[in-house]
Amino acid sequence: MSRYRVLRNADTGAVVLGRTRWCASFWCHFKGLMLTPRLPADAGLLFVTRSEGRSHTAIHMFFMLFTIAVVWLDASGKVVDKALAKPWRPMYAPRSPAMYYVEANPDLLDRVQIGDRLRFDEVV
């Protein structure tokens, strides 16, 4: 299994993010983007959890050096919430239960709307 996915709109096939790192391990969840100096424009992290929920898909922005977009998705890949997350804020949580969340550059918020369905195509 590849560590990277292409994030696409499931209805149109349009690429939302060209290089999204699959983040399912404890260490990847722990580190996230903390202390990362920058993120390439078409890159991000796709965090995977075991079940839908609000508390375990909440994020903090401590030790972050830049503002990011956060997009939360339910188990079917439907976008349930999105936010512009600023450094050193204590918490951002989705309004509805989520199973996945994506952290990327702020312009991701322009390409994704609540209710969109996304899919994660493995990079070969």
PDB file of N, CA and C in Angstrom:
ATOM      1  N   MET A   1       0.845  -1.184   0.000  1.00  0.00           N
ATOM      2  CA  MET A   1       0.000   0.000   0.000  1.00  0.00           C
ATOM      3  C   MET A   1       0.888   1.244   0.000  1.00  0.00           C
ATOM      4  N   SER A   2       0.574   2.168  -0.865  1.00  0.00           N
ATOM      5  CA  SER A   2       1.330   3.407  -0.988  1.00  0.00           C
ATOM      6  C   SER A   2       1.063   4.327   0.201  1.00  0.00           C
ATOM      7  N   ARG A   3       2.042   5.122   0.548  1.00  0.00           N
ATOM      8  CA  ARG A   3       1.882   6.116   1.620  1.00  0.00           C
ATOM      9  C   ARG A   3       1.145   7.349   1.142  1.00  0.00           C
ATOM     10  N   TYR A   4       0.939   7.476  -0.162  1.00  0.00           N
ATOM     11  CA  TYR A   4       0.348   8.691  -0.711  1.00  0.00           C
ATOM     12  C   TYR A   4      -0.923   8.403  -1.499  1.00  0.00           C
ATOM     13  N   ARG A   5      -1.804   9.383  -1.507  1.00  0.00           N
ATOM     14  CA  ARG A   5      -3.060   9.308  -2.238  1.00  0.00           C
ATOM     15  C   ARG A   5      -3.254  10.593  -3.028  1.00  0.00           C
ATOM     16  N   VAL A   6      -4.010  10.475  -4.113  1.00  0.00           N
ATOM     17  CA  VAL A   6      -4.504  11.643  -4.828  1.00  0.00           C
ATOM     18  C   VAL A   6      -5.927  11.840  -4.323  1.00  0.00           C
ATOM     19  N   LEU A   7      -6.211  13.003  -3.826  1.00  0.00           N
ATOM     20  CA  LEU A   7      -7.540  13.320  -3.303  1.00  0.00           C
ATOM     21  C   LEU A   7      -8.355  13.915  -4.440  1.00  0.00           C
ATOM     22  N   ARG A   8      -9.491  13.262  -4.770  1.00  0.00           N
ATOM     23  CA  ARG A   8     -10.331  13.690  -5.901  1.00  0.00           C
ATOM     24  C   ARG A   8     -11.768  13.908  -5.459  1.00  0.00           C
ATOM     25  N   ASN A   9     -12.442  14.788  -6.177  1.00  0.00           N
ATOM     26  CA  ASN A   9     -13.879  14.929  -6.013  1.00  0.00           C
ATOM     27  C   ASN A   9     -14.495  13.670  -6.629  1.00  0.00           C
ATOM     28  N   ALA A  10     -15.271  12.919  -5.856  1.00  0.00           N
ATOM     29  CA  ALA A  10     -15.815  11.639  -6.318  1.00  0.00           C
ATOM     30  C   ALA A  10     -16.832  11.815  -7.431  1.00  0.00           C
ATOM     31  N   ASP A  11     -17.491  12.962  -7.507  1.00  0.00           N
ATOM     32  CA  ASP A  11     -18.518  13.178  -8.531  1.00  0.00           C
ATOM     33  C   ASP A  11     -17.944  13.682  -9.848  1.00  0.00           C
ATOM     34  N   THR A  12     -16.954  14.571  -9.782  1.00  0.00           N
ATOM     35  CA  THR A  12     -16.412  15.171 -11.002  1.00  0.00           C
ATOM     36  C   THR A  12     -15.081  14.564 -11.436  1.00  0.00           C
ATOM     37  N   GLY A  13     -14.379  13.908 -10.494  1.00  0.00           N
ATOM     38  CA  GLY A  13     -13.055  13.366 -10.790  1.00  0.00           C
ATOM     39  C   GLY A  13     -11.949  14.400 -10.710  1.00  0.00           C
ATOM     40  N   ALA A  14     -12.294  15.645 -10.421  1.00  0.00           N
ATOM     41  CA  ALA A  14     -11.301  16.717 -10.334  1.00  0.00           C
ATOM     42  C   ALA A  14     -10.333  16.463  -9.175  1.00  0.00           C
ATOM     43  N   VAL A  15      -9.056  16.707  -9.429  1.00  0.00           N
ATOM     44  CA  VAL A  15      -8.040  16.552  -8.389  1.00  0.00           C
ATOM     45  C   VAL A  15      -8.166  17.702  -7.392  1.00  0.00           C
ATOM     46  N   VAL A  16      -8.307  17.341  -6.122  1.00  0.00           N
ATOM     47  CA  VAL A  16      -8.383  18.337  -5.043  1.00  0.00           C
ATOM     48  C   VAL A  16      -6.994  18.559  -4.458  1.00  0.00           C
ATOM     49  N   LEU A  17      -6.254  17.476  -4.217  1.00  0.00           N
ATOM     50  CA  LEU A  17      -4.856  17.532  -3.779  1.00  0.00           C
ATOM     51  C   LEU A  17      -4.099  16.431  -4.505  1.00  0.00           C
ATOM     52  N   GLY A  18      -2.978  16.771  -5.115  1.00  0.00           N
ATOM     53  CA  GLY A  18      -2.228  15.811  -5.908  1.00  0.00           C
ATOM     54  C   GLY A  18      -1.374  14.857  -5.115  1.00  0.00           C
ATOM     55  N   ARG A  19      -0.977  15.229  -3.911  1.00  0.00           N
ATOM     56  CA  ARG A  19      -0.093  14.372  -3.110  1.00  0.00           C
ATOM     57  C   ARG A  19      -0.482  14.499  -1.642  1.00  0.00           C
ATOM     58  N   THR A  20      -1.283  13.541  -1.188  1.00  0.00           N
ATOM     59  CA  THR A  20      -1.781  13.550   0.182  1.00  0.00           C
ATOM     60  C   THR A  20      -1.204  12.341   0.904  1.00  0.00           C
ATOM     61  N   ARG A  21      -0.510  12.590   1.989  1.00  0.00           N
ATOM     62  CA  ARG A  21       0.116  11.490   2.727  1.00  0.00           C
ATOM     63  C   ARG A  21      -0.909  10.799   3.610  1.00  0.00           C
ATOM     64  N   TRP A  22      -1.009   9.486   3.494  1.00  0.00           N
ATOM     65  CA  TRP A  22      -1.906   8.641   4.295  1.00  0.00           C
ATOM     66  C   TRP A  22      -1.338   8.590   5.709  1.00  0.00           C
ATOM     67  N   CYS A  23      -2.084   9.044   6.683  1.00  0.00           N
ATOM     68  CA  CYS A  23      -1.589   9.175   8.057  1.00  0.00           C
ATOM     69  C   CYS A  23      -2.501   8.377   8.998  1.00  0.00           C
ATOM     70  N   ALA A  24      -2.136   7.114   9.238  1.00  0.00           N
ATOM     71  CA  ALA A  24      -2.964   6.244  10.076  1.00  0.00           C
ATOM     72  C   ALA A  24      -2.266   5.810  11.357  1.00  0.00           C
ATOM     73  N   SER A  25      -0.960   5.971  11.439  1.00  0.00           N
ATOM     74  CA  SER A  25      -0.220   5.491  12.618  1.00  0.00           C
ATOM     75  C   SER A  25      -0.283   6.501  13.771  1.00  0.00           C
ATOM     76  N   PHE A  26      -0.020   5.997  14.958  1.00  0.00           N
ATOM     77  CA  PHE A  26       0.019   6.864  16.140  1.00  0.00           C
ATOM     78  C   PHE A  26       1.042   7.985  15.943  1.00  0.00           C
ATOM     79  N   TRP A  27       2.239   7.636  15.475  1.00  0.00           N
ATOM     80  CA  TRP A  27       3.296   8.625  15.327  1.00  0.00           C
ATOM     81  C   TRP A  27       2.918   9.710  14.329  1.00  0.00           C
ATOM     82  N   CYS A  28       2.330   9.328  13.216  1.00  0.00           N
ATOM     83  CA  CYS A  28       1.920  10.307  12.210  1.00  0.00           C
ATOM     84  C   CYS A  28       0.841  11.237  12.776  1.00  0.00           C
ATOM     85  N   HIS A  29      -0.119  10.674  13.514  1.00  0.00           N
ATOM     86  CA  HIS A  29      -1.150  11.504  14.151  1.00  0.00           C
ATOM     87  C   HIS A  29      -0.526  12.438  15.184  1.00  0.00           C
ATOM     88  N   PHE A  30       0.429  11.931  15.949  1.00  0.00           N
ATOM     89  CA  PHE A  30       1.078  12.735  16.986  1.00  0.00           C
ATOM     90  C   PHE A  30       1.852  13.905  16.387  1.00  0.00           C
ATOM     91  N   LYS A  31       2.637  13.638  15.373  1.00  0.00           N
ATOM     92  CA  LYS A  31       3.486  14.675  14.772  1.00  0.00           C
ATOM     93  C   LYS A  31       2.705  15.612  13.862  1.00  0.00           C
ATOM     94  N   GLY A  32       1.867  15.054  12.983  1.00  0.00           N
ATOM     95  CA  GLY A  32       1.115  15.892  12.059  1.00  0.00           C
ATOM     96  C   GLY A  32       2.022  16.857  11.324  1.00  0.00           C
ATOM     97  N   LEU A  33       1.649  18.124  11.333  1.00  0.00           N
ATOM     98  CA  LEU A  33       2.455  19.166  10.678  1.00  0.00           C
ATOM     99  C   LEU A  33       3.206  20.043  11.678  1.00  0.00           C
ATOM    100  N   MET A  34       3.207  19.636  12.956  1.00  0.00           N
ATOM    101  CA  MET A  34       3.904  20.450  13.957  1.00  0.00           C
ATOM    102  C   MET A  34       5.361  20.658  13.567  1.00  0.00           C
ATOM    103  N   LEU A  35       5.815  21.886  13.695  1.00  0.00           N
ATOM    104  CA  LEU A  35       7.193  22.313  13.439  1.00  0.00           C
ATOM    105  C   LEU A  35       7.619  22.133  11.980  1.00  0.00           C
ATOM    106  N   THR A  36       6.685  21.859  11.097  1.00  0.00           N
ATOM    107  CA  THR A  36       6.987  21.800   9.667  1.00  0.00           C
ATOM    108  C   THR A  36       7.120  23.239   9.166  1.00  0.00           C
ATOM    109  N   PRO A  37       8.222  23.585   8.484  1.00  0.00           N
ATOM    110  CA  PRO A  37       8.406  24.978   8.071  1.00  0.00           C
ATOM    111  C   PRO A  37       7.465  25.435   6.963  1.00  0.00           C
ATOM    112  N   ARG A  38       7.085  24.526   6.065  1.00  0.00           N
ATOM    113  CA  ARG A  38       6.163  24.882   4.979  1.00  0.00           C
ATOM    114  C   ARG A  38       5.597  23.607   4.384  1.00  0.00           C
ATOM    115  N   LEU A  39       4.569  23.772   3.579  1.00  0.00           N
ATOM    116  CA  LEU A  39       3.906  22.648   2.938  1.00  0.00           C
ATOM    117  C   LEU A  39       3.787  22.968   1.454  1.00  0.00           C
ATOM    118  N   PRO A  40       4.217  22.067   0.568  1.00  0.00           N
ATOM    119  CA  PRO A  40       4.059  22.332  -0.864  1.00  0.00           C
ATOM    120  C   PRO A  40       2.597  22.608  -1.208  1.00  0.00           C
ATOM    121  N   ALA A  41       2.373  23.395  -2.241  1.00  0.00           N
ATOM    122  CA  ALA A  41       1.027  23.867  -2.591  1.00  0.00           C
ATOM    123  C   ALA A  41       0.028  22.744  -2.829  1.00  0.00           C
ATOM    124  N   ASP A  42       0.439  21.637  -3.422  1.00  0.00           N
ATOM    125  CA  ASP A  42      -0.492  20.569  -3.769  1.00  0.00           C
ATOM    126  C   ASP A  42      -0.304  19.349  -2.873  1.00  0.00           C
ATOM    127  N   ALA A  43       0.090  19.576  -1.615  1.00  0.00           N
ATOM    128  CA  ALA A  43       0.343  18.469  -0.695  1.00  0.00           C
ATOM    129  C   ALA A  43      -0.460  18.645   0.579  1.00  0.00           C
ATOM    130  N   GLY A  44      -0.619  17.540   1.298  1.00  0.00           N
ATOM    131  CA  GLY A  44      -1.326  17.592   2.568  1.00  0.00           C
ATOM    132  C   GLY A  44      -1.217  16.268   3.289  1.00  0.00           C
ATOM    133  N   LEU A  45      -1.858  16.199   4.447  1.00  0.00           N
ATOM    134  CA  LEU A  45      -1.934  14.966   5.225  1.00  0.00           C
ATOM    135  C   LEU A  45      -3.383  14.520   5.283  1.00  0.00           C
ATOM    136  N   LEU A  46      -3.615  13.230   5.115  1.00  0.00           N
ATOM    137  CA  LEU A  46      -4.939  12.645   5.252  1.00  0.00           C
ATOM    138  C   LEU A  46      -4.908  11.751   6.490  1.00  0.00           C
ATOM    139  N   PHE A  47      -5.549  12.208   7.560  1.00  0.00           N
ATOM    140  CA  PHE A  47      -5.577  11.481   8.817  1.00  0.00           C
ATOM    141  C   PHE A  47      -6.731  10.479   8.798  1.00  0.00           C
ATOM    142  N   VAL A  48      -6.428   9.258   9.191  1.00  0.00           N
ATOM    143  CA  VAL A  48      -7.397   8.164   9.173  1.00  0.00           C
ATOM    144  C   VAL A  48      -7.626   7.710  10.608  1.00  0.00           C
ATOM    145  N   THR A  49      -8.903   7.619  11.016  1.00  0.00           N
ATOM    146  CA  THR A  49      -9.232   7.102  12.344  1.00  0.00           C
ATOM    147  C   THR A  49     -10.040   5.826  12.183  1.00  0.00           C
ATOM    148  N   ARG A  50     -10.288   5.136  13.276  1.00  0.00           N
ATOM    149  CA  ARG A  50     -10.977   3.837  13.218  1.00  0.00           C
ATOM    150  C   ARG A  50     -12.492   3.943  13.176  1.00  0.00           C
ATOM    151  N   SER A  51     -13.030   5.083  13.582  1.00  0.00           N
ATOM    152  CA  SER A  51     -14.482   5.241  13.616  1.00  0.00           C
ATOM    153  C   SER A  51     -14.834   6.716  13.522  1.00  0.00           C
ATOM    154  N   GLU A  52     -16.088   6.989  13.244  1.00  0.00           N
ATOM    155  CA  GLU A  52     -16.549   8.368  13.193  1.00  0.00           C
ATOM    156  C   GLU A  52     -16.682   8.926  14.602  1.00  0.00           C
ATOM    157  N   GLY A  53     -16.383  10.204  14.735  1.00  0.00           N
ATOM    158  CA  GLY A  53     -16.520  10.875  16.018  1.00  0.00           C
ATOM    159  C   GLY A  53     -16.093  12.325  15.893  1.00  0.00           C
ATOM    160  N   ARG A  54     -16.328  13.071  16.945  1.00  0.00           N
ATOM    161  CA  ARG A  54     -15.917  14.475  16.950  1.00  0.00           C
ATOM    162  C   ARG A  54     -14.636  14.669  17.756  1.00  0.00           C
ATOM    163  N   SER A  55     -14.556  14.047  18.927  1.00  0.00           N
ATOM    164  CA  SER A  55     -13.424  14.322  19.816  1.00  0.00           C
ATOM    165  C   SER A  55     -12.102  13.800  19.255  1.00  0.00           C
ATOM    166  N   HIS A  56     -12.088  12.603  18.677  1.00  0.00           N
ATOM    167  CA  HIS A  56     -10.805  12.061  18.196  1.00  0.00           C
ATOM    168  C   HIS A  56     -10.424  12.570  16.809  1.00  0.00           C
ATOM    169  N   THR A  57     -11.249  13.428  16.220  1.00  0.00           N
ATOM    170  CA  THR A  57     -10.859  14.078  14.970  1.00  0.00           C
ATOM    171  C   THR A  57     -10.623  15.578  15.173  1.00  0.00           C
ATOM    172  N   ALA A  58     -10.663  16.026  16.429  1.00  0.00           N
ATOM    173  CA  ALA A  58     -10.332  17.414  16.751  1.00  0.00           C
ATOM    174  C   ALA A  58      -8.820  17.601  16.629  1.00  0.00           C
ATOM    175  N   ILE A  59      -8.399  18.802  16.294  1.00  0.00           N
ATOM    176  CA  ILE A  59      -6.971  19.100  16.177  1.00  0.00           C
ATOM    177  C   ILE A  59      -6.620  20.295  17.057  1.00  0.00           C
ATOM    178  N   HIS A  60      -5.336  20.425  17.357  1.00  0.00           N
ATOM    179  CA  HIS A  60      -4.818  21.641  17.999  1.00  0.00           C
ATOM    180  C   HIS A  60      -3.798  22.246  17.044  1.00  0.00           C
ATOM    181  N   MET A  61      -3.474  23.495  17.279  1.00  0.00           N
ATOM    182  CA  MET A  61      -2.515  24.181  16.400  1.00  0.00           C
ATOM    183  C   MET A  61      -1.266  24.631  17.154  1.00  0.00           C
ATOM    184  N   PHE A  62      -0.995  24.016  18.302  1.00  0.00           N
ATOM    185  CA  PHE A  62       0.229  24.334  19.025  1.00  0.00           C
ATOM    186  C   PHE A  62       1.432  23.877  18.197  1.00  0.00           C
ATOM    187  N   PHE A  63       2.503  24.658  18.238  1.00  0.00           N
ATOM    188  CA  PHE A  63       3.757  24.375  17.527  1.00  0.00           C
ATOM    189  C   PHE A  63       3.602  24.379  16.006  1.00  0.00           C
ATOM    190  N   MET A  64       2.542  25.011  15.531  1.00  0.00           N
ATOM    191  CA  MET A  64       2.354  25.176  14.083  1.00  0.00           C
ATOM    192  C   MET A  64       2.951  26.513  13.662  1.00  0.00           C
ATOM    193  N   LEU A  65       3.563  26.525  12.487  1.00  0.00           N
ATOM    194  CA  LEU A  65       4.258  27.716  12.014  1.00  0.00           C
ATOM    195  C   LEU A  65       3.483  28.475  10.940  1.00  0.00           C
ATOM    196  N   PHE A  66       2.330  27.937  10.511  1.00  0.00           N
ATOM    197  CA  PHE A  66       1.546  28.591   9.457  1.00  0.00           C
ATOM    198  C   PHE A  66       0.083  28.166   9.568  1.00  0.00           C
ATOM    199  N   THR A  67      -0.776  28.931   8.940  1.00  0.00           N
ATOM    200  CA  THR A  67      -2.211  28.662   8.894  1.00  0.00           C
ATOM    201  C   THR A  67      -2.475  27.528   7.904  1.00  0.00           C
ATOM    202  N   ILE A  68      -3.447  26.661   8.228  1.00  0.00           N
ATOM    203  CA  ILE A  68      -3.788  25.548   7.345  1.00  0.00           C
ATOM    204  C   ILE A  68      -5.307  25.459   7.149  1.00  0.00           C
ATOM    205  N   ALA A  69      -5.679  24.732   6.118  1.00  0.00           N
ATOM    206  CA  ALA A  69      -7.075  24.342   5.917  1.00  0.00           C
ATOM    207  C   ALA A  69      -7.251  22.964   6.543  1.00  0.00           C
ATOM    208  N   VAL A  70      -8.403  22.753   7.179  1.00  0.00           N
ATOM    209  CA  VAL A  70      -8.760  21.435   7.697  1.00  0.00           C
ATOM    210  C   VAL A  70     -10.122  21.084   7.115  1.00  0.00           C
ATOM    211  N   VAL A  71     -10.207  19.890   6.544  1.00  0.00           N
ATOM    212  CA  VAL A  71     -11.458  19.404   5.967  1.00  0.00           C
ATOM    213  C   VAL A  71     -11.755  18.059   6.616  1.00  0.00           C
ATOM    214  N   TRP A  72     -12.951  17.928   7.220  1.00  0.00           N
ATOM    215  CA  TRP A  72     -13.357  16.688   7.877  1.00  0.00           C
ATOM    216  C   TRP A  72     -14.328  15.925   6.989  1.00  0.00           C
ATOM    217  N   LEU A  73     -14.164  14.591   6.923  1.00  0.00           N
ATOM    218  CA  LEU A  73     -15.013  13.734   6.099  1.00  0.00           C
ATOM    219  C   LEU A  73     -15.578  12.588   6.938  1.00  0.00           C
ATOM    220  N   ASP A  74     -16.796  12.182   6.619  1.00  0.00           N
ATOM    221  CA  ASP A  74     -17.373  11.029   7.307  1.00  0.00           C
ATOM    222  C   ASP A  74     -16.850   9.735   6.677  1.00  0.00           C
ATOM    223  N   ALA A  75     -17.351   8.597   7.139  1.00  0.00           N
ATOM    224  CA  ALA A  75     -16.858   7.301   6.674  1.00  0.00           C
ATOM    225  C   ALA A  75     -17.078   7.081   5.178  1.00  0.00           C
ATOM    226  N   SER A  76     -18.070   7.746   4.594  1.00  0.00           N
ATOM    227  CA  SER A  76     -18.339   7.587   3.165  1.00  0.00           C
ATOM    228  C   SER A  76     -17.547   8.558   2.298  1.00  0.00           C
ATOM    229  N   GLY A  77     -16.770   9.447   2.922  1.00  0.00           N
ATOM    230  CA  GLY A  77     -15.975  10.422   2.172  1.00  0.00           C
ATOM    231  C   GLY A  77     -16.685  11.737   1.939  1.00  0.00           C
ATOM    232  N   LYS A  78     -17.848  11.936   2.567  1.00  0.00           N
ATOM    233  CA  LYS A  78     -18.579  13.200   2.422  1.00  0.00           C
ATOM    234  C   LYS A  78     -17.989  14.256   3.356  1.00  0.00           C
ATOM    235  N   VAL A  79     -17.755  15.443   2.824  1.00  0.00           N
ATOM    236  CA  VAL A  79     -17.220  16.546   3.618  1.00  0.00           C
ATOM    237  C   VAL A  79     -18.302  17.006   4.592  1.00  0.00           C
ATOM    238  N   VAL A  80     -18.006  16.924   5.901  1.00  0.00           N
ATOM    239  CA  VAL A  80     -18.980  17.308   6.925  1.00  0.00           C
ATOM    240  C   VAL A  80     -18.659  18.656   7.561  1.00  0.00           C
ATOM    241  N   ASP A  81     -17.417  19.132   7.410  1.00  0.00           N
ATOM    242  CA  ASP A  81     -17.046  20.437   7.957  1.00  0.00           C
ATOM    243  C   ASP A  81     -15.689  20.829   7.375  1.00  0.00           C
ATOM    244  N   LYS A  82     -15.385  22.114   7.477  1.00  0.00           N
ATOM    245  CA  LYS A  82     -14.078  22.611   7.068  1.00  0.00           C
ATOM    246  C   LYS A  82     -13.780  23.870   7.865  1.00  0.00           C
ATOM    247  N   ALA A  83     -12.482  24.172   8.025  1.00  0.00           N
ATOM    248  CA  ALA A  83     -12.091  25.335   8.822  1.00  0.00           C
ATOM    249  C   ALA A  83     -10.728  25.845   8.382  1.00  0.00           C
ATOM    250  N   LEU A  84     -10.521  27.135   8.613  1.00  0.00           N
ATOM    251  CA  LEU A  84      -9.209  27.751   8.474  1.00  0.00           C
ATOM    252  C   LEU A  84      -8.608  27.758   9.872  1.00  0.00           C
ATOM    253  N   ALA A  85      -7.552  26.981  10.066  1.00  0.00           N
ATOM    254  CA  ALA A  85      -6.950  26.811  11.389  1.00  0.00           C
ATOM    255  C   ALA A  85      -5.682  27.650  11.503  1.00  0.00           C
ATOM    256  N   LYS A  86      -5.637  28.479  12.532  1.00  0.00           N
ATOM    257  CA  LYS A  86      -4.515  29.405  12.729  1.00  0.00           C
ATOM    258  C   LYS A  86      -3.565  28.898  13.810  1.00  0.00           C
ATOM    259  N   PRO A  87      -2.267  29.212  13.659  1.00  0.00           N
ATOM    260  CA  PRO A  87      -1.271  28.735  14.623  1.00  0.00           C
ATOM    261  C   PRO A  87      -1.597  29.125  16.060  1.00  0.00           C
ATOM    262  N   TRP A  88      -1.234  28.229  16.963  1.00  0.00           N
ATOM    263  CA  TRP A  88      -1.309  28.404  18.404  1.00  0.00           C
ATOM    264  C   TRP A  88      -2.735  28.507  18.944  1.00  0.00           C
ATOM    265  N   ARG A  89      -3.716  28.023  18.191  1.00  0.00           N
ATOM    266  CA  ARG A  89      -5.084  27.949  18.709  1.00  0.00           C
ATOM    267  C   ARG A  89      -5.250  26.597  19.395  1.00  0.00           C
ATOM    268  N   PRO A  90      -6.008  26.536  20.489  1.00  0.00           N
ATOM    269  CA  PRO A  90      -6.074  25.293  21.260  1.00  0.00           C
ATOM    270  C   PRO A  90      -6.858  24.155  20.603  1.00  0.00           C
ATOM    271  N   MET A  91      -7.921  24.455  19.828  1.00  0.00           N
ATOM    272  CA  MET A  91      -8.692  23.335  19.309  1.00  0.00           C
ATOM    273  C   MET A  91      -9.609  23.740  18.165  1.00  0.00           C
ATOM    274  N   TYR A  92      -9.695  22.842  17.197  1.00  0.00           N
ATOM    275  CA  TYR A  92     -10.695  22.905  16.134  1.00  0.00           C
ATOM    276  C   TYR A  92     -11.318  21.510  16.071  1.00  0.00           C
ATOM    277  N   ALA A  93     -12.647  21.454  16.094  1.00  0.00           N
ATOM    278  CA  ALA A  93     -13.352  20.169  16.024  1.00  0.00           C
ATOM    279  C   ALA A  93     -14.458  20.270  14.979  1.00  0.00           C
ATOM    280  N   PRO A  94     -14.779  19.155  14.330  1.00  0.00           N
ATOM    281  CA  PRO A  94     -15.851  19.190  13.333  1.00  0.00           C
ATOM    282  C   PRO A  94     -17.216  19.339  14.001  1.00  0.00           C
ATOM    283  N   ARG A  95     -18.155  19.937  13.277  1.00  0.00           N
ATOM    284  CA  ARG A  95     -19.525  20.080  13.780  1.00  0.00           C
ATOM    285  C   ARG A  95     -20.256  18.753  13.801  1.00  0.00           C
ATOM    286  N   SER A  96     -19.884  17.868  12.879  1.00  0.00           N
ATOM    287  CA  SER A  96     -20.509  16.546  12.767  1.00  0.00           C
ATOM    288  C   SER A  96     -19.425  15.485  12.899  1.00  0.00           C
ATOM    289  N   PRO A  97     -19.789  14.265  13.279  1.00  0.00           N
ATOM    290  CA  PRO A  97     -18.787  13.201  13.389  1.00  0.00           C
ATOM    291  C   PRO A  97     -18.037  12.987  12.075  1.00  0.00           C
ATOM    292  N   ALA A  98     -16.753  12.726  12.197  1.00  0.00           N
ATOM    293  CA  ALA A  98     -15.886  12.503  11.043  1.00  0.00           C
ATOM    294  C   ALA A  98     -15.004  11.292  11.301  1.00  0.00           C
ATOM    295  N   MET A  99     -14.540  10.690  10.214  1.00  0.00           N
ATOM    296  CA  MET A  99     -13.617   9.564  10.308  1.00  0.00           C
ATOM    297  C   MET A  99     -12.255   9.910   9.715  1.00  0.00           C
ATOM    298  N   TYR A 100     -12.252  10.868   8.809  1.00  0.00           N
ATOM    299  CA  TYR A 100     -11.032  11.329   8.148  1.00  0.00           C
ATOM    300  C   TYR A 100     -10.951  12.842   8.273  1.00  0.00           C
ATOM    301  N   TYR A 101      -9.731  13.369   8.242  1.00  0.00           N
ATOM    302  CA  TYR A 101      -9.562  14.806   8.092  1.00  0.00           C
ATOM    303  C   TYR A 101      -8.280  15.078   7.327  1.00  0.00           C
ATOM    304  N   VAL A 102      -8.331  16.159   6.573  1.00  0.00           N
ATOM    305  CA  VAL A 102      -7.223  16.544   5.702  1.00  0.00           C
ATOM    306  C   VAL A 102      -6.687  17.878   6.190  1.00  0.00           C
ATOM    307  N   GLU A 103      -5.373  17.962   6.313  1.00  0.00           N
ATOM    308  CA  GLU A 103      -4.706  19.229   6.610  1.00  0.00           C
ATOM    309  C   GLU A 103      -3.877  19.600   5.387  1.00  0.00           C
ATOM    310  N   ALA A 104      -4.064  20.833   4.908  1.00  0.00           N
ATOM    311  CA  ALA A 104      -3.366  21.285   3.700  1.00  0.00           C
ATOM    312  C   ALA A 104      -3.288  22.805   3.711  1.00  0.00           C
ATOM    313  N   ASN A 105      -2.789  23.364   2.626  1.00  0.00           N
ATOM    314  CA  ASN A 105      -2.712  24.817   2.492  1.00  0.00           C
ATOM    315  C   ASN A 105      -4.117  25.421   2.456  1.00  0.00           C
ATOM    316  N   PRO A 106      -4.255  26.668   2.902  1.00  0.00           N
ATOM    317  CA  PRO A 106      -5.574  27.302   2.996  1.00  0.00           C
ATOM    318  C   PRO A 106      -6.389  27.325   1.711  1.00  0.00           C
ATOM    319  N   ASP A 107      -5.755  27.321   0.538  1.00  0.00           N
ATOM    320  CA  ASP A 107      -6.531  27.369  -0.700  1.00  0.00           C
ATOM    321  C   ASP A 107      -7.355  26.100  -0.943  1.00  0.00           C
ATOM    322  N   LEU A 108      -7.112  25.049  -0.172  1.00  0.00           N
ATOM    323  CA  LEU A 108      -7.950  23.848  -0.253  1.00  0.00           C
ATOM    324  C   LEU A 108      -9.418  24.194   0.037  1.00  0.00           C
ATOM    325  N   LEU A 109      -9.650  25.160   0.895  1.00  0.00           N
ATOM    326  CA  LEU A 109     -11.020  25.535   1.262  1.00  0.00           C
ATOM    327  C   LEU A 109     -11.810  26.069   0.068  1.00  0.00           C
ATOM    328  N   ASP A 110     -11.110  26.585  -0.946  1.00  0.00           N
ATOM    329  CA  ASP A 110     -11.781  27.077  -2.155  1.00  0.00           C
ATOM    330  C   ASP A 110     -12.189  25.938  -3.090  1.00  0.00           C
ATOM    331  N   ARG A 111     -11.532  24.776  -2.963  1.00  0.00           N
ATOM    332  CA  ARG A 111     -11.781  23.653  -3.876  1.00  0.00           C
ATOM    333  C   ARG A 111     -12.740  22.609  -3.319  1.00  0.00           C
ATOM    334  N   VAL A 112     -13.099  22.734  -2.036  1.00  0.00           N
ATOM    335  CA  VAL A 112     -13.946  21.741  -1.378  1.00  0.00           C
ATOM    336  C   VAL A 112     -15.102  22.439  -0.682  1.00  0.00           C
ATOM    337  N   GLN A 113     -16.292  21.884  -0.852  1.00  0.00           N
ATOM    338  CA  GLN A 113     -17.484  22.429  -0.188  1.00  0.00           C
ATOM    339  C   GLN A 113     -18.089  21.356   0.722  1.00  0.00           C
ATOM    340  N   ILE A 114     -18.741  21.790   1.794  1.00  0.00           N
ATOM    341  CA  ILE A 114     -19.448  20.852   2.659  1.00  0.00           C
ATOM    342  C   ILE A 114     -20.501  20.144   1.810  1.00  0.00           C
ATOM    343  N   GLY A 115     -20.544  18.829   1.934  1.00  0.00           N
ATOM    344  CA  GLY A 115     -21.454  18.020   1.123  1.00  0.00           C
ATOM    345  C   GLY A 115     -20.778  17.340  -0.054  1.00  0.00           C
ATOM    346  N   ASP A 116     -19.597  17.846  -0.486  1.00  0.00           N
ATOM    347  CA  ASP A 116     -18.846  17.176  -1.555  1.00  0.00           C
ATOM    348  C   ASP A 116     -18.448  15.778  -1.086  1.00  0.00           C
ATOM    349  N   ARG A 117     -18.354  14.863  -2.026  1.00  0.00           N
ATOM    350  CA  ARG A 117     -17.835  13.530  -1.740  1.00  0.00           C
ATOM    351  C   ARG A 117     -16.426  13.442  -2.317  1.00  0.00           C
ATOM    352  N   LEU A 118     -15.471  13.000  -1.499  1.00  0.00           N
ATOM    353  CA  LEU A 118     -14.084  12.876  -1.935  1.00  0.00           C
ATOM    354  C   LEU A 118     -13.679  11.419  -1.928  1.00  0.00           C
ATOM    355  N   ARG A 119     -12.721  11.079  -2.775  1.00  0.00           N
ATOM    356  CA  ARG A 119     -12.156   9.733  -2.765  1.00  0.00           C
ATOM    357  C   ARG A 119     -10.638   9.861  -2.727  1.00  0.00           C
ATOM    358  N   PHE A 120     -10.007   8.800  -2.265  1.00  0.00           N
ATOM    359  CA  PHE A 120      -8.556   8.783  -2.083  1.00  0.00           C
ATOM    360  C   PHE A 120      -7.984   7.704  -2.999  1.00  0.00           C
ATOM    361  N   ASP A 121      -7.441   8.120  -4.129  1.00  0.00           N
ATOM    362  CA  ASP A 121      -6.866   7.169  -5.088  1.00  0.00           C
ATOM    363  C   ASP A 121      -5.403   6.945  -4.755  1.00  0.00           C
ATOM    364  N   GLU A 122      -5.029   5.678  -4.638  1.00  0.00           N
ATOM    365  CA  GLU A 122      -3.656   5.329  -4.302  1.00  0.00           C
ATOM    366  C   GLU A 122      -2.698   5.739  -5.418  1.00  0.00           C
ATOM    367  N   VAL A 123      -1.563   6.317  -5.033  1.00  0.00           N
ATOM    368  CA  VAL A 123      -0.523   6.684  -5.992  1.00  0.00           C
ATOM    369  C   VAL A 123       0.333   5.456  -6.230  1.00  0.00           C
ATOM    370  N   VAL A 124       0.505   5.096  -7.494  1.00  0.00           N
ATOM    371  CA  VAL A 124       1.293   3.885  -7.820  1.00  0.00           C
ATOM    372  C   VAL A 124       2.677   4.254  -8.289  1.00  0.00           C
TER     373      VAL A 124
END
